[in-house]
Amino acid sequence: MQLRFNGTAPAWPHLLGTMHPFYPVDEPAFMGSASYSVLENNNGSGWEILIDAGHNTLPFLLQNRNRIPDVVMLTHAHPDHILGIDWVVQSNRFKHPEKLLPLYCTRLVFDRFMQIYGHCGEYVEFRELFYGQSFSIAETPGVEITAYPVFHGAGGAGAVGFFIRNTDPKQQSVLLTGDLLCPLFRKADYELLQHASALVVDTNNLLPCPASNHISLAATIPGDEEKEPLLQRWFQTVSWKDYLQAHNSGNEGNTSYFDTLQHDFTEPAQLPHTIMELLKWLPIPEVHLVHYFGKYDELYYNRGLLTREELVALANETAGVEKIRTRFRVPVVGGVIKF
């Protein structure tokens, strides 16, 4: 089984009038929004689960297997994660008019999706995700998935990450965060998730900028100190209500999940808001950094944009200072994690 990177970029890898050293303009695939496929195998046969489809995802899919995925899953409903879903739905509609396309997401994500793509409603089979509940998919045997809530701001209603496990006991698992400022894992969840063999994590910022609703690499990095205590100021102005209102769907099972979360952690500040903090909870041996933007680091910390090699070097150096033992990688588009 494999997780393939269909795209690794944020919504705007290059702002018009600027150049970003991380994303080569002569390689259009590197402009593609963060998107993934879970593949039974990578030889052109077997089933496929598509996770998110934003800018440039569909051209990549056309050039790689050129088939309709068996199942679609959404982490959240921001445009750079759902722009291509209409294309997938219409492809399935015309090729398999008798078959609805299975669409897995939370109720809040589906409601937002329907506000944008209401015409797709009659062509998809909505399958609701519930926080912390593992499930198997009839169309894709051999894989078990659990959706976990993440906080990605008020605009990221119902946002989740996925724990994807190969059910073969000899195989491994991948934790995919999706976009987030912080995960909303209960303490018991950490006990399970620490056994993941790989972590794919949003790396929008190097240093904290909670107003961006994205996690950062670390609170401080070698050679720099936080010039503005943005994270500390943030914690002074937010409460559990701010973090949980983005997940208020009225579902009783989800309510119970958050009751446990608030019992485990008395305030949001106790949750990991940096990748380094998260790795202290989850000592995962291999970390894949995606969605690097860096513009908030320029704006708030006067820190220049990094190349791919520089990001890996900085992550490894920072982890060394924090005494975190893991291997950092920046995936290439089309690359895979075998698990």
C-alpha atoms as a PDB file:
ATOM      1  CA  MET A   1       0.000   0.000   0.000  1.00  0.00           C
ATOM      2  CA  GLN A   2       1.223   3.506  -0.741  1.00  0.00           C
ATOM      3  CA  LEU A   3       0.432   7.145  -0.017  1.00  0.00           C
ATOM      4  CA  ARG A   4       1.225   9.210  -3.116  1.00  0.00           C
ATOM      5  CA  PHE A   5       1.781  12.961  -3.081  1.00  0.00           C
ATOM      6  CA  ASN A   6      -0.407  14.497  -5.821  1.00  0.00           C
ATOM      7  CA  GLY A   7       0.634  17.985  -4.726  1.00  0.00           C
ATOM      8  CA  THR A   8       2.436  19.534  -1.776  1.00  0.00           C
ATOM      9  CA  ALA A   9       1.939  23.305  -2.097  1.00  0.00           C
ATOM     10  CA  PRO A  10      -0.159  25.835  -0.162  1.00  0.00           C
ATOM     11  CA  ALA A  11      -2.975  27.736  -1.845  1.00  0.00           C
ATOM     12  CA  TRP A  12      -0.612  30.356  -3.288  1.00  0.00           C
ATOM     13  CA  PRO A  13       2.901  28.921  -3.745  1.00  0.00           C
ATOM     14  CA  HIS A  14       3.885  32.019  -5.749  1.00  0.00           C
ATOM     15  CA  LEU A  15       2.221  35.358  -5.100  1.00  0.00           C
ATOM     16  CA  LEU A  16       2.014  37.317  -8.351  1.00  0.00           C
ATOM     17  CA  GLY A  17       4.944  39.701  -8.714  1.00  0.00           C
ATOM     18  CA  THR A  18       7.174  37.521  -6.512  1.00  0.00           C
ATOM     19  CA  MET A  19       9.216  34.327  -6.790  1.00  0.00           C
ATOM     20  CA  HIS A  20       9.419  31.547  -4.210  1.00  0.00           C
ATOM     21  CA  PRO A  21      12.663  29.504  -4.152  1.00  0.00           C
ATOM     22  CA  PHE A  22      10.810  26.448  -2.827  1.00  0.00           C
ATOM     23  CA  TYR A  23       8.557  26.017  -5.880  1.00  0.00           C
ATOM     24  CA  PRO A  24      10.271  25.946  -9.304  1.00  0.00           C
ATOM     25  CA  VAL A  25       8.123  27.812 -11.827  1.00  0.00           C
ATOM     26  CA  ASP A  26       9.339  25.634 -14.694  1.00  0.00           C
ATOM     27  CA  GLU A  27       7.811  22.550 -13.040  1.00  0.00           C
ATOM     28  CA  PRO A  28       4.017  23.087 -12.926  1.00  0.00           C
ATOM     29  CA  ALA A  29       3.449  19.968 -10.806  1.00  0.00           C
ATOM     30  CA  PHE A  30       5.116  21.738  -7.887  1.00  0.00           C
ATOM     31  CA  MET A  31       2.322  24.353  -7.973  1.00  0.00           C
ATOM     32  CA  GLY A  32      -0.293  21.752  -7.074  1.00  0.00           C
ATOM     33  CA  SER A  33      -2.167  22.113  -3.789  1.00  0.00           C
ATOM     34  CA  ALA A  34      -1.599  19.517  -1.085  1.00  0.00           C
ATOM     35  CA  SER A  35      -3.405  16.361  -2.186  1.00  0.00           C
ATOM     36  CA  TYR A  36      -2.826  12.651  -1.717  1.00  0.00           C
ATOM     37  CA  SER A  37      -3.881   9.269  -3.041  1.00  0.00           C
ATOM     38  CA  VAL A  38      -3.895   6.086  -0.991  1.00  0.00           C
ATOM     39  CA  LEU A  39      -3.102   3.366  -3.533  1.00  0.00           C
ATOM     40  CA  GLU A  40      -3.482  -0.373  -3.237  1.00  0.00           C
ATOM     41  CA  ASN A  41      -0.399  -0.452  -5.456  1.00  0.00           C
ATOM     42  CA  ASN A  42       1.288   1.934  -7.882  1.00  0.00           C
ATOM     43  CA  ASN A  43       1.379  -0.195 -11.042  1.00  0.00           C
ATOM     44  CA  GLY A  44      -1.827   1.208 -12.533  1.00  0.00           C
ATOM     45  CA  SER A  45      -4.180  -1.388 -11.078  1.00  0.00           C
ATOM     46  CA  GLY A  46      -5.917  -1.666  -7.731  1.00  0.00           C
ATOM     47  CA  TRP A  47      -8.119   0.768  -5.876  1.00  0.00           C
ATOM     48  CA  GLU A  48      -7.478   4.445  -5.093  1.00  0.00           C
ATOM     49  CA  ILE A  49      -8.643   6.818  -2.360  1.00  0.00           C
ATOM     50  CA  LEU A  50      -8.272  10.495  -3.275  1.00  0.00           C
ATOM     51  CA  ILE A  51      -7.719  12.867  -0.337  1.00  0.00           C
ATOM     52  CA  ASP A  52      -8.449  16.494  -1.308  1.00  0.00           C
ATOM     53  CA  ALA A  53      -8.205  17.967  -4.803  1.00  0.00           C
ATOM     54  CA  GLY A  54      -7.248  21.619  -5.251  1.00  0.00           C
ATOM     55  CA  HIS A  55      -5.167  23.644  -7.693  1.00  0.00           C
ATOM     56  CA  ASN A  56      -3.563  21.427 -10.353  1.00  0.00           C
ATOM     57  CA  THR A  57      -4.632  18.120  -8.779  1.00  0.00           C
ATOM     58  CA  LEU A  58      -6.641  16.929 -11.762  1.00  0.00           C
ATOM     59  CA  PRO A  59      -3.924  17.575 -14.380  1.00  0.00           C
ATOM     60  CA  PHE A  60      -1.617  15.496 -12.179  1.00  0.00           C
ATOM     61  CA  LEU A  61      -4.170  12.689 -11.951  1.00  0.00           C
ATOM     62  CA  LEU A  62      -4.637  12.719 -15.718  1.00  0.00           C
ATOM     63  CA  GLN A  63      -0.905  12.196 -16.141  1.00  0.00           C
ATOM     64  CA  ASN A  64      -0.730   9.525 -13.421  1.00  0.00           C
ATOM     65  CA  ARG A  65      -3.016   6.504 -13.894  1.00  0.00           C
ATOM     66  CA  ASN A  66      -5.800   8.656 -15.413  1.00  0.00           C
ATOM     67  CA  ARG A  67      -8.566   6.844 -13.589  1.00  0.00           C
ATOM     68  CA  ILE A  68     -11.497   7.836 -11.432  1.00  0.00           C
ATOM     69  CA  PRO A  69     -10.743   7.256  -7.744  1.00  0.00           C
ATOM     70  CA  ASP A  70     -12.915   4.691  -6.001  1.00  0.00           C
ATOM     71  CA  VAL A  71     -13.476   6.985  -3.019  1.00  0.00           C
ATOM     72  CA  VAL A  72     -12.919  10.680  -2.219  1.00  0.00           C
ATOM     73  CA  MET A  73     -12.122  12.010   1.252  1.00  0.00           C
ATOM     74  CA  LEU A  74     -11.907  15.656   2.324  1.00  0.00           C
ATOM     75  CA  THR A  75      -9.910  17.130   5.185  1.00  0.00           C
ATOM     76  CA  HIS A  76     -11.773  20.451   5.000  1.00  0.00           C
ATOM     77  CA  ALA A  77     -13.625  22.641   2.522  1.00  0.00           C
ATOM     78  CA  HIS A  78     -11.210  25.458   1.713  1.00  0.00           C
ATOM     79  CA  PRO A  79     -10.986  26.110  -2.052  1.00  0.00           C
ATOM     80  CA  ASP A  80      -7.429  24.819  -2.429  1.00  0.00           C
ATOM     81  CA  HIS A  81      -8.642  21.447  -1.157  1.00  0.00           C
ATOM     82  CA  ILE A  82     -11.927  21.052  -3.029  1.00  0.00           C
ATOM     83  CA  LEU A  83     -11.594  22.957  -6.327  1.00  0.00           C
ATOM     84  CA  GLY A  84     -11.001  19.757  -8.279  1.00  0.00           C
ATOM     85  CA  ILE A  85     -13.772  17.695  -6.701  1.00  0.00           C
ATOM     86  CA  ASP A  86     -16.379  18.881  -9.208  1.00  0.00           C
ATOM     87  CA  TRP A  87     -14.128  17.581 -12.018  1.00  0.00           C
ATOM     88  CA  VAL A  88     -13.858  14.191 -10.288  1.00  0.00           C
ATOM     89  CA  VAL A  89     -17.610  14.018  -9.658  1.00  0.00           C
ATOM     90  CA  GLN A  90     -18.488  14.889 -13.251  1.00  0.00           C
ATOM     91  CA  SER A  91     -15.963  12.345 -14.542  1.00  0.00           C
ATOM     92  CA  ASN A  92     -17.657   9.642 -12.496  1.00  0.00           C
ATOM     93  CA  ARG A  93     -21.107  10.872 -13.514  1.00  0.00           C
ATOM     94  CA  PHE A  94     -20.430  10.425 -17.215  1.00  0.00           C
ATOM     95  CA  LYS A  95     -18.366   7.235 -17.030  1.00  0.00           C
ATOM     96  CA  HIS A  96     -20.481   5.482 -14.385  1.00  0.00           C
ATOM     97  CA  PRO A  97     -23.958   7.110 -14.545  1.00  0.00           C
ATOM     98  CA  GLU A  98     -25.408   4.319 -12.419  1.00  0.00           C
ATOM     99  CA  LYS A  99     -22.901   4.789  -9.583  1.00  0.00           C
ATOM    100  CA  LEU A 100     -22.671   7.551  -7.012  1.00  0.00           C
ATOM    101  CA  LEU A 101     -19.159   8.618  -5.993  1.00  0.00           C
ATOM    102  CA  PRO A 102     -18.508   7.891  -2.277  1.00  0.00           C
ATOM    103  CA  LEU A 103     -17.528  11.120  -0.502  1.00  0.00           C
ATOM    104  CA  TYR A 104     -16.212  10.901   3.061  1.00  0.00           C
ATOM    105  CA  CYS A 105     -16.083  14.068   5.174  1.00  0.00           C
ATOM    106  CA  THR A 106     -17.622  15.562   8.277  1.00  0.00           C
ATOM    107  CA  ARG A 107     -21.124  17.011   8.185  1.00  0.00           C
ATOM    108  CA  LEU A 108     -19.780  20.564   8.460  1.00  0.00           C
ATOM    109  CA  VAL A 109     -17.387  20.031   5.544  1.00  0.00           C
ATOM    110  CA  PHE A 110     -20.148  18.498   3.430  1.00  0.00           C
ATOM    111  CA  ASP A 111     -22.492  21.408   4.155  1.00  0.00           C
ATOM    112  CA  ARG A 112     -19.823  23.849   2.989  1.00  0.00           C
ATOM    113  CA  PHE A 113     -19.053  21.703  -0.061  1.00  0.00           C
ATOM    114  CA  MET A 114     -22.732  21.763  -1.024  1.00  0.00           C
ATOM    115  CA  GLN A 115     -22.856  25.555  -0.677  1.00  0.00           C
ATOM    116  CA  ILE A 116     -20.158  25.736  -3.354  1.00  0.00           C
ATOM    117  CA  TYR A 117     -20.964  22.667  -5.470  1.00  0.00           C
ATOM    118  CA  GLY A 118     -24.657  22.109  -4.866  1.00  0.00           C
ATOM    119  CA  HIS A 119     -25.064  20.667  -8.349  1.00  0.00           C
ATOM    120  CA  CYS A 120     -22.820  17.739  -7.313  1.00  0.00           C
ATOM    121  CA  GLY A 121     -25.169  16.599  -4.563  1.00  0.00           C
ATOM    122  CA  GLU A 122     -27.155  14.142  -6.680  1.00  0.00           C
ATOM    123  CA  TYR A 123     -23.969  12.471  -7.958  1.00  0.00           C
ATOM    124  CA  VAL A 124     -22.199  11.730  -4.660  1.00  0.00           C
ATOM    125  CA  GLU A 125     -22.935   9.416  -1.753  1.00  0.00           C
ATOM    126  CA  PHE A 126     -22.150  11.375   1.404  1.00  0.00           C
ATOM    127  CA  ARG A 127     -20.604   9.175   4.088  1.00  0.00           C
ATOM    128  CA  GLU A 128     -20.228  11.085   7.327  1.00  0.00           C
ATOM    129  CA  LEU A 129     -17.020  10.967   9.351  1.00  0.00           C
ATOM    130  CA  PHE A 130     -17.185  10.815  13.154  1.00  0.00           C
ATOM    131  CA  TYR A 131     -14.262  11.927  15.278  1.00  0.00           C
ATOM    132  CA  GLY A 132     -12.094   9.175  16.672  1.00  0.00           C
ATOM    133  CA  GLN A 133     -14.120   6.350  15.089  1.00  0.00           C
ATOM    134  CA  SER A 134     -12.218   3.949  12.852  1.00  0.00           C
ATOM    135  CA  PHE A 135     -13.878   2.653   9.710  1.00  0.00           C
ATOM    136  CA  SER A 136     -13.239   0.392   6.751  1.00  0.00           C
ATOM    137  CA  ILE A 137     -14.347   1.045   3.174  1.00  0.00           C
ATOM    138  CA  ALA A 138     -16.008  -1.685   1.118  1.00  0.00           C
ATOM    139  CA  GLU A 139     -14.525  -0.322  -2.114  1.00  0.00           C
ATOM    140  CA  THR A 140     -10.956  -0.318  -0.737  1.00  0.00           C
ATOM    141  CA  PRO A 141     -10.333  -3.462   1.340  1.00  0.00           C
ATOM    142  CA  GLY A 142      -7.232  -3.724   3.483  1.00  0.00           C
ATOM    143  CA  VAL A 143      -7.164  -0.187   4.854  1.00  0.00           C
ATOM    144  CA  GLU A 144      -8.624   1.227   8.079  1.00  0.00           C
ATOM    145  CA  ILE A 145      -8.997   4.965   8.603  1.00  0.00           C
ATOM    146  CA  THR A 146      -9.719   7.168  11.601  1.00  0.00           C
ATOM    147  CA  ALA A 147     -10.613  10.860  11.309  1.00  0.00           C
ATOM    148  CA  TYR A 148      -9.414  13.170  14.065  1.00  0.00           C
ATOM    149  CA  PRO A 149     -10.534  16.787  14.506  1.00  0.00           C
ATOM    150  CA  VAL A 150      -8.016  19.579  14.061  1.00  0.00           C
ATOM    151  CA  PHE A 151      -8.327  23.295  14.686  1.00  0.00           C
ATOM    152  CA  HIS A 152      -7.888  25.286  11.479  1.00  0.00           C
ATOM    153  CA  GLY A 153      -9.699  28.446  12.519  1.00  0.00           C
ATOM    154  CA  ALA A 154     -13.378  29.336  12.420  1.00  0.00           C
ATOM    155  CA  GLY A 155     -13.295  29.100   8.638  1.00  0.00           C
ATOM    156  CA  GLY A 156     -12.055  25.522   8.775  1.00  0.00           C
ATOM    157  CA  ALA A 157     -15.299  24.103  10.115  1.00  0.00           C
ATOM    158  CA  GLY A 158     -15.222  20.344  10.572  1.00  0.00           C
ATOM    159  CA  ALA A 159     -11.548  20.035   9.575  1.00  0.00           C
ATOM    160  CA  VAL A 160      -9.866  16.686  10.169  1.00  0.00           C
ATOM    161  CA  GLY A 161      -6.647  14.769   9.762  1.00  0.00           C
ATOM    162  CA  PHE A 162      -6.480  11.053   8.976  1.00  0.00           C
ATOM    163  CA  PHE A 163      -4.763   8.074  10.569  1.00  0.00           C
ATOM    164  CA  ILE A 164      -4.418   5.552   7.749  1.00  0.00           C
ATOM    165  CA  ARG A 165      -3.559   1.989   8.690  1.00  0.00           C
ATOM    166  CA  ASN A 166      -2.735  -1.024   6.560  1.00  0.00           C
ATOM    167  CA  THR A 167      -4.726  -3.849   8.170  1.00  0.00           C
ATOM    168  CA  ASP A 168      -1.974  -6.359   7.392  1.00  0.00           C
ATOM    169  CA  PRO A 169      -0.389  -6.728  10.858  1.00  0.00           C
ATOM    170  CA  LYS A 170       3.064  -6.832   9.262  1.00  0.00           C
ATOM    171  CA  GLN A 171       2.574  -3.425   7.640  1.00  0.00           C
ATOM    172  CA  GLN A 172       2.566   0.136   8.953  1.00  0.00           C
ATOM    173  CA  SER A 173       0.494   3.336   9.144  1.00  0.00           C
ATOM    174  CA  VAL A 174       0.578   7.014   8.226  1.00  0.00           C
ATOM    175  CA  LEU A 175      -0.715  10.047  10.118  1.00  0.00           C
ATOM    176  CA  LEU A 176      -1.802  12.880   7.820  1.00  0.00           C
ATOM    177  CA  THR A 177      -2.628  16.138   9.624  1.00  0.00           C
ATOM    178  CA  GLY A 178      -4.238  18.162   6.841  1.00  0.00           C
ATOM    179  CA  ASP A 179      -4.158  21.934   7.398  1.00  0.00           C
ATOM    180  CA  LEU A 180      -4.179  22.857  11.077  1.00  0.00           C
ATOM    181  CA  LEU A 181      -3.088  25.235  13.781  1.00  0.00           C
ATOM    182  CA  CYS A 182      -3.130  22.351  16.241  1.00  0.00           C
ATOM    183  CA  PRO A 183      -4.478  18.795  16.490  1.00  0.00           C
ATOM    184  CA  LEU A 184      -7.372  18.070  18.819  1.00  0.00           C
ATOM    185  CA  PHE A 185      -6.187  14.653  19.977  1.00  0.00           C
ATOM    186  CA  ARG A 186      -7.277  13.197  23.299  1.00  0.00           C
ATOM    187  CA  LYS A 187      -4.585  11.687  25.517  1.00  0.00           C
ATOM    188  CA  ALA A 188      -5.691   8.164  24.613  1.00  0.00           C
ATOM    189  CA  ASP A 189      -5.304   9.022  20.926  1.00  0.00           C
ATOM    190  CA  TYR A 190      -1.624   9.794  21.400  1.00  0.00           C
ATOM    191  CA  GLU A 191      -1.077   6.267  22.691  1.00  0.00           C
ATOM    192  CA  LEU A 192      -2.340   4.880  19.368  1.00  0.00           C
ATOM    193  CA  LEU A 193      -0.906   7.488  17.026  1.00  0.00           C
ATOM    194  CA  GLN A 194       2.648   7.245  18.360  1.00  0.00           C
ATOM    195  CA  HIS A 195       2.893   3.927  16.511  1.00  0.00           C
ATOM    196  CA  ALA A 196       2.549   5.626  13.100  1.00  0.00           C
ATOM    197  CA  SER A 197       5.525   4.955  10.858  1.00  0.00           C
ATOM    198  CA  ALA A 198       5.277   8.314   9.053  1.00  0.00           C
ATOM    199  CA  LEU A 199       3.811  11.763   9.671  1.00  0.00           C
ATOM    200  CA  VAL A 200       2.721  14.091   6.857  1.00  0.00           C
ATOM    201  CA  VAL A 201       2.350  17.536   8.397  1.00  0.00           C
ATOM    202  CA  ASP A 202       1.336  21.065   7.427  1.00  0.00           C
ATOM    203  CA  THR A 203       4.492  23.220   7.567  1.00  0.00           C
ATOM    204  CA  ASN A 204       3.057  26.566   6.510  1.00  0.00           C
ATOM    205  CA  ASN A 205       5.183  28.571   8.964  1.00  0.00           C
ATOM    206  CA  LEU A 206       8.602  28.258  10.518  1.00  0.00           C
ATOM    207  CA  LEU A 207       7.714  30.388  13.552  1.00  0.00           C
ATOM    208  CA  PRO A 208       4.356  30.916  15.254  1.00  0.00           C
ATOM    209  CA  CYS A 209       1.654  32.957  13.559  1.00  0.00           C
ATOM    210  CA  PRO A 210      -1.601  31.646  15.021  1.00  0.00           C
ATOM    211  CA  ALA A 211      -3.671  34.204  13.111  1.00  0.00           C
ATOM    212  CA  SER A 212      -2.750  32.278   9.950  1.00  0.00           C
ATOM    213  CA  ASN A 213      -4.530  29.211  11.417  1.00  0.00           C
ATOM    214  CA  HIS A 214      -1.502  27.085  10.542  1.00  0.00           C
ATOM    215  CA  ILE A 215       0.961  25.261  12.752  1.00  0.00           C
ATOM    216  CA  SER A 216       4.626  26.294  12.803  1.00  0.00           C
ATOM    217  CA  LEU A 217       7.801  24.258  12.783  1.00  0.00           C
ATOM    218  CA  ALA A 218       8.888  25.440  16.243  1.00  0.00           C
ATOM    219  CA  ALA A 219       8.446  28.182  18.832  1.00  0.00           C
ATOM    220  CA  THR A 220      12.074  29.185  18.269  1.00  0.00           C
ATOM    221  CA  ILE A 221      14.655  28.002  15.768  1.00  0.00           C
ATOM    222  CA  PRO A 222      18.453  28.091  15.920  1.00  0.00           C
ATOM    223  CA  GLY A 223      19.770  31.607  15.373  1.00  0.00           C
ATOM    224  CA  ASP A 224      16.401  33.237  15.976  1.00  0.00           C
ATOM    225  CA  GLU A 225      14.309  34.218  18.921  1.00  0.00           C
ATOM    226  CA  GLU A 226      10.641  35.030  18.695  1.00  0.00           C
ATOM    227  CA  LYS A 227      10.546  38.800  18.192  1.00  0.00           C
ATOM    228  CA  GLU A 228       6.859  39.047  19.021  1.00  0.00           C
ATOM    229  CA  PRO A 229       5.260  36.642  21.500  1.00  0.00           C
ATOM    230  CA  LEU A 230       2.454  35.901  19.065  1.00  0.00           C
ATOM    231  CA  LEU A 231       1.591  32.508  20.489  1.00  0.00           C
ATOM    232  CA  GLN A 232       1.488  33.741  24.064  1.00  0.00           C
ATOM    233  CA  ARG A 233      -0.717  36.672  23.062  1.00  0.00           C
ATOM    234  CA  TRP A 234      -2.975  34.278  21.193  1.00  0.00           C
ATOM    235  CA  PHE A 235      -3.480  32.088  24.252  1.00  0.00           C
ATOM    236  CA  GLN A 236      -4.490  35.139  26.271  1.00  0.00           C
ATOM    237  CA  THR A 237      -7.366  35.871  23.888  1.00  0.00           C
ATOM    238  CA  VAL A 238      -8.806  32.420  23.100  1.00  0.00           C
ATOM    239  CA  SER A 239     -10.654  29.718  25.007  1.00  0.00           C
ATOM    240  CA  TRP A 240     -12.016  26.251  24.378  1.00  0.00           C
ATOM    241  CA  LYS A 241     -15.142  27.893  22.961  1.00  0.00           C
ATOM    242  CA  ASP A 242     -13.107  29.404  20.124  1.00  0.00           C
ATOM    243  CA  TYR A 243     -11.470  26.071  19.314  1.00  0.00           C
ATOM    244  CA  LEU A 244     -14.603  23.952  19.469  1.00  0.00           C
ATOM    245  CA  GLN A 245     -17.167  26.165  17.754  1.00  0.00           C
ATOM    246  CA  ALA A 246     -15.653  25.140  14.422  1.00  0.00           C
ATOM    247  CA  HIS A 247     -16.754  21.578  15.223  1.00  0.00           C
ATOM    248  CA  ASN A 248     -20.222  22.270  16.574  1.00  0.00           C
ATOM    249  CA  SER A 249     -22.326  19.987  14.383  1.00  0.00           C
ATOM    250  CA  GLY A 250     -24.756  18.834  17.058  1.00  0.00           C
ATOM    251  CA  ASN A 251     -23.567  15.223  16.759  1.00  0.00           C
ATOM    252  CA  GLU A 252     -23.707  13.496  20.152  1.00  0.00           C
ATOM    253  CA  GLY A 253     -20.712  11.281  19.440  1.00  0.00           C
ATOM    254  CA  ASN A 254     -18.584  14.302  18.592  1.00  0.00           C
ATOM    255  CA  THR A 255     -19.810  16.078  21.732  1.00  0.00           C
ATOM    256  CA  SER A 256     -18.614  13.154  23.828  1.00  0.00           C
ATOM    257  CA  TYR A 257     -15.238  13.301  22.052  1.00  0.00           C
ATOM    258  CA  PHE A 258     -14.761  16.951  23.012  1.00  0.00           C
ATOM    259  CA  ASP A 259     -15.934  16.362  26.575  1.00  0.00           C
ATOM    260  CA  THR A 260     -13.052  13.925  26.945  1.00  0.00           C
ATOM    261  CA  LEU A 261     -10.645  16.318  25.239  1.00  0.00           C
ATOM    262  CA  GLN A 262     -11.485  19.108  27.683  1.00  0.00           C
ATOM    263  CA  HIS A 263     -11.136  16.703  30.588  1.00  0.00           C
ATOM    264  CA  ASP A 264      -7.657  15.732  29.357  1.00  0.00           C
ATOM    265  CA  PHE A 265      -6.516  19.311  28.702  1.00  0.00           C
ATOM    266  CA  THR A 266      -7.841  22.187  30.766  1.00  0.00           C
ATOM    267  CA  GLU A 267      -6.976  24.859  28.174  1.00  0.00           C
ATOM    268  CA  PRO A 268      -5.978  25.024  24.488  1.00  0.00           C
ATOM    269  CA  ALA A 269      -2.479  26.233  25.385  1.00  0.00           C
ATOM    270  CA  GLN A 270      -1.703  22.679  26.540  1.00  0.00           C
ATOM    271  CA  LEU A 271      -2.157  21.371  22.991  1.00  0.00           C
ATOM    272  CA  PRO A 272       0.818  21.195  20.596  1.00  0.00           C
ATOM    273  CA  HIS A 273       0.905  24.289  18.371  1.00  0.00           C
ATOM    274  CA  THR A 274       4.276  23.521  16.775  1.00  0.00           C
ATOM    275  CA  ILE A 275       5.573  20.475  14.949  1.00  0.00           C
ATOM    276  CA  MET A 276       8.355  20.069  17.496  1.00  0.00           C
ATOM    277  CA  GLU A 277       5.816  20.007  20.337  1.00  0.00           C
ATOM    278  CA  LEU A 278       3.753  17.445  18.455  1.00  0.00           C
ATOM    279  CA  LEU A 279       6.786  15.205  17.979  1.00  0.00           C
ATOM    280  CA  LYS A 280       7.423  15.230  21.718  1.00  0.00           C
ATOM    281  CA  TRP A 281       3.991  13.642  22.078  1.00  0.00           C
ATOM    282  CA  LEU A 282       4.397  11.462  18.996  1.00  0.00           C
ATOM    283  CA  PRO A 283       7.962  10.210  18.414  1.00  0.00           C
ATOM    284  CA  ILE A 284       7.278   9.266  14.791  1.00  0.00           C
ATOM    285  CA  PRO A 285      10.505   8.282  13.007  1.00  0.00           C
ATOM    286  CA  GLU A 286       9.804   9.841   9.593  1.00  0.00           C
ATOM    287  CA  VAL A 287       8.257  13.280   8.989  1.00  0.00           C
ATOM    288  CA  HIS A 288       7.239  14.655   5.587  1.00  0.00           C
ATOM    289  CA  LEU A 289       6.929  18.446   5.470  1.00  0.00           C
ATOM    290  CA  VAL A 290       4.264  19.817   3.106  1.00  0.00           C
ATOM    291  CA  HIS A 291       2.421  23.120   2.498  1.00  0.00           C
ATOM    292  CA  TYR A 292       5.430  25.357   3.204  1.00  0.00           C
ATOM    293  CA  PHE A 293       4.554  29.029   2.615  1.00  0.00           C
ATOM    294  CA  GLY A 294       6.946  31.180   4.656  1.00  0.00           C
ATOM    295  CA  LYS A 295       5.373  34.544   3.909  1.00  0.00           C
ATOM    296  CA  TYR A 296       4.241  35.039   7.500  1.00  0.00           C
ATOM    297  CA  ASP A 297       7.839  34.457   8.602  1.00  0.00           C
ATOM    298  CA  GLU A 298       8.876  37.270   6.259  1.00  0.00           C
ATOM    299  CA  LEU A 299       6.112  39.520   7.554  1.00  0.00           C
ATOM    300  CA  TYR A 300       6.463  38.974  11.311  1.00  0.00           C
ATOM    301  CA  TYR A 301      10.032  37.725  11.752  1.00  0.00           C
ATOM    302  CA  ASN A 302      11.915  39.239   8.808  1.00  0.00           C
ATOM    303  CA  ARG A 303      13.058  35.753   7.867  1.00  0.00           C
ATOM    304  CA  GLY A 304      13.677  34.920   4.211  1.00  0.00           C
ATOM    305  CA  LEU A 305      12.015  32.164   2.234  1.00  0.00           C
ATOM    306  CA  LEU A 306      13.772  28.805   2.194  1.00  0.00           C
ATOM    307  CA  THR A 307      14.662  26.317  -0.504  1.00  0.00           C
ATOM    308  CA  ARG A 308      13.662  22.691  -0.096  1.00  0.00           C
ATOM    309  CA  GLU A 309      17.149  21.750   1.060  1.00  0.00           C
ATOM    310  CA  GLU A 310      17.244  24.623   3.555  1.00  0.00           C
ATOM    311  CA  LEU A 311      13.908  23.608   5.101  1.00  0.00           C
ATOM    312  CA  VAL A 312      15.075  20.032   5.659  1.00  0.00           C
ATOM    313  CA  ALA A 313      18.377  21.232   7.141  1.00  0.00           C
ATOM    314  CA  LEU A 314      16.625  23.687   9.465  1.00  0.00           C
ATOM    315  CA  ALA A 315      14.110  21.079  10.628  1.00  0.00           C
ATOM    316  CA  ASN A 316      16.877  18.596  11.401  1.00  0.00           C
ATOM    317  CA  GLU A 317      18.933  21.221  13.229  1.00  0.00           C
ATOM    318  CA  THR A 318      15.947  22.369  15.281  1.00  0.00           C
ATOM    319  CA  ALA A 319      15.044  18.795  16.176  1.00  0.00           C
ATOM    320  CA  GLY A 320      18.615  18.220  17.289  1.00  0.00           C
ATOM    321  CA  VAL A 321      18.433  21.187  19.657  1.00  0.00           C
ATOM    322  CA  GLU A 322      15.092  19.893  20.985  1.00  0.00           C
ATOM    323  CA  LYS A 323      16.554  16.369  21.332  1.00  0.00           C
ATOM    324  CA  ILE A 324      13.946  14.951  18.977  1.00  0.00           C
ATOM    325  CA  ARG A 325      15.049  11.940  16.974  1.00  0.00           C
ATOM    326  CA  THR A 326      13.317  11.816  13.619  1.00  0.00           C
ATOM    327  CA  ARG A 327      14.107  12.126   9.908  1.00  0.00           C
ATOM    328  CA  PHE A 328      12.658  15.085   8.046  1.00  0.00           C
ATOM    329  CA  ARG A 329      11.919  15.004   4.351  1.00  0.00           C
ATOM    330  CA  VAL A 330      10.347  17.286   1.773  1.00  0.00           C
ATOM    331  CA  PRO A 331       8.386  15.004  -0.560  1.00  0.00           C
ATOM    332  CA  VAL A 332       8.447  15.360  -4.317  1.00  0.00           C
ATOM    333  CA  VAL A 333       5.208  15.437  -6.260  1.00  0.00           C
ATOM    334  CA  GLY A 334       4.515  11.903  -7.429  1.00  0.00           C
ATOM    335  CA  GLY A 335       6.625  10.429  -4.640  1.00  0.00           C
ATOM    336  CA  VAL A 336       5.186   7.762  -2.335  1.00  0.00           C
ATOM    337  CA  ILE A 337       5.311   6.477   1.220  1.00  0.00           C
ATOM    338  CA  LYS A 338       5.047   2.697   1.367  1.00  0.00           C
ATOM    339  CA  PHE A 339       3.191   1.342   4.345  1.00  0.00           C
END
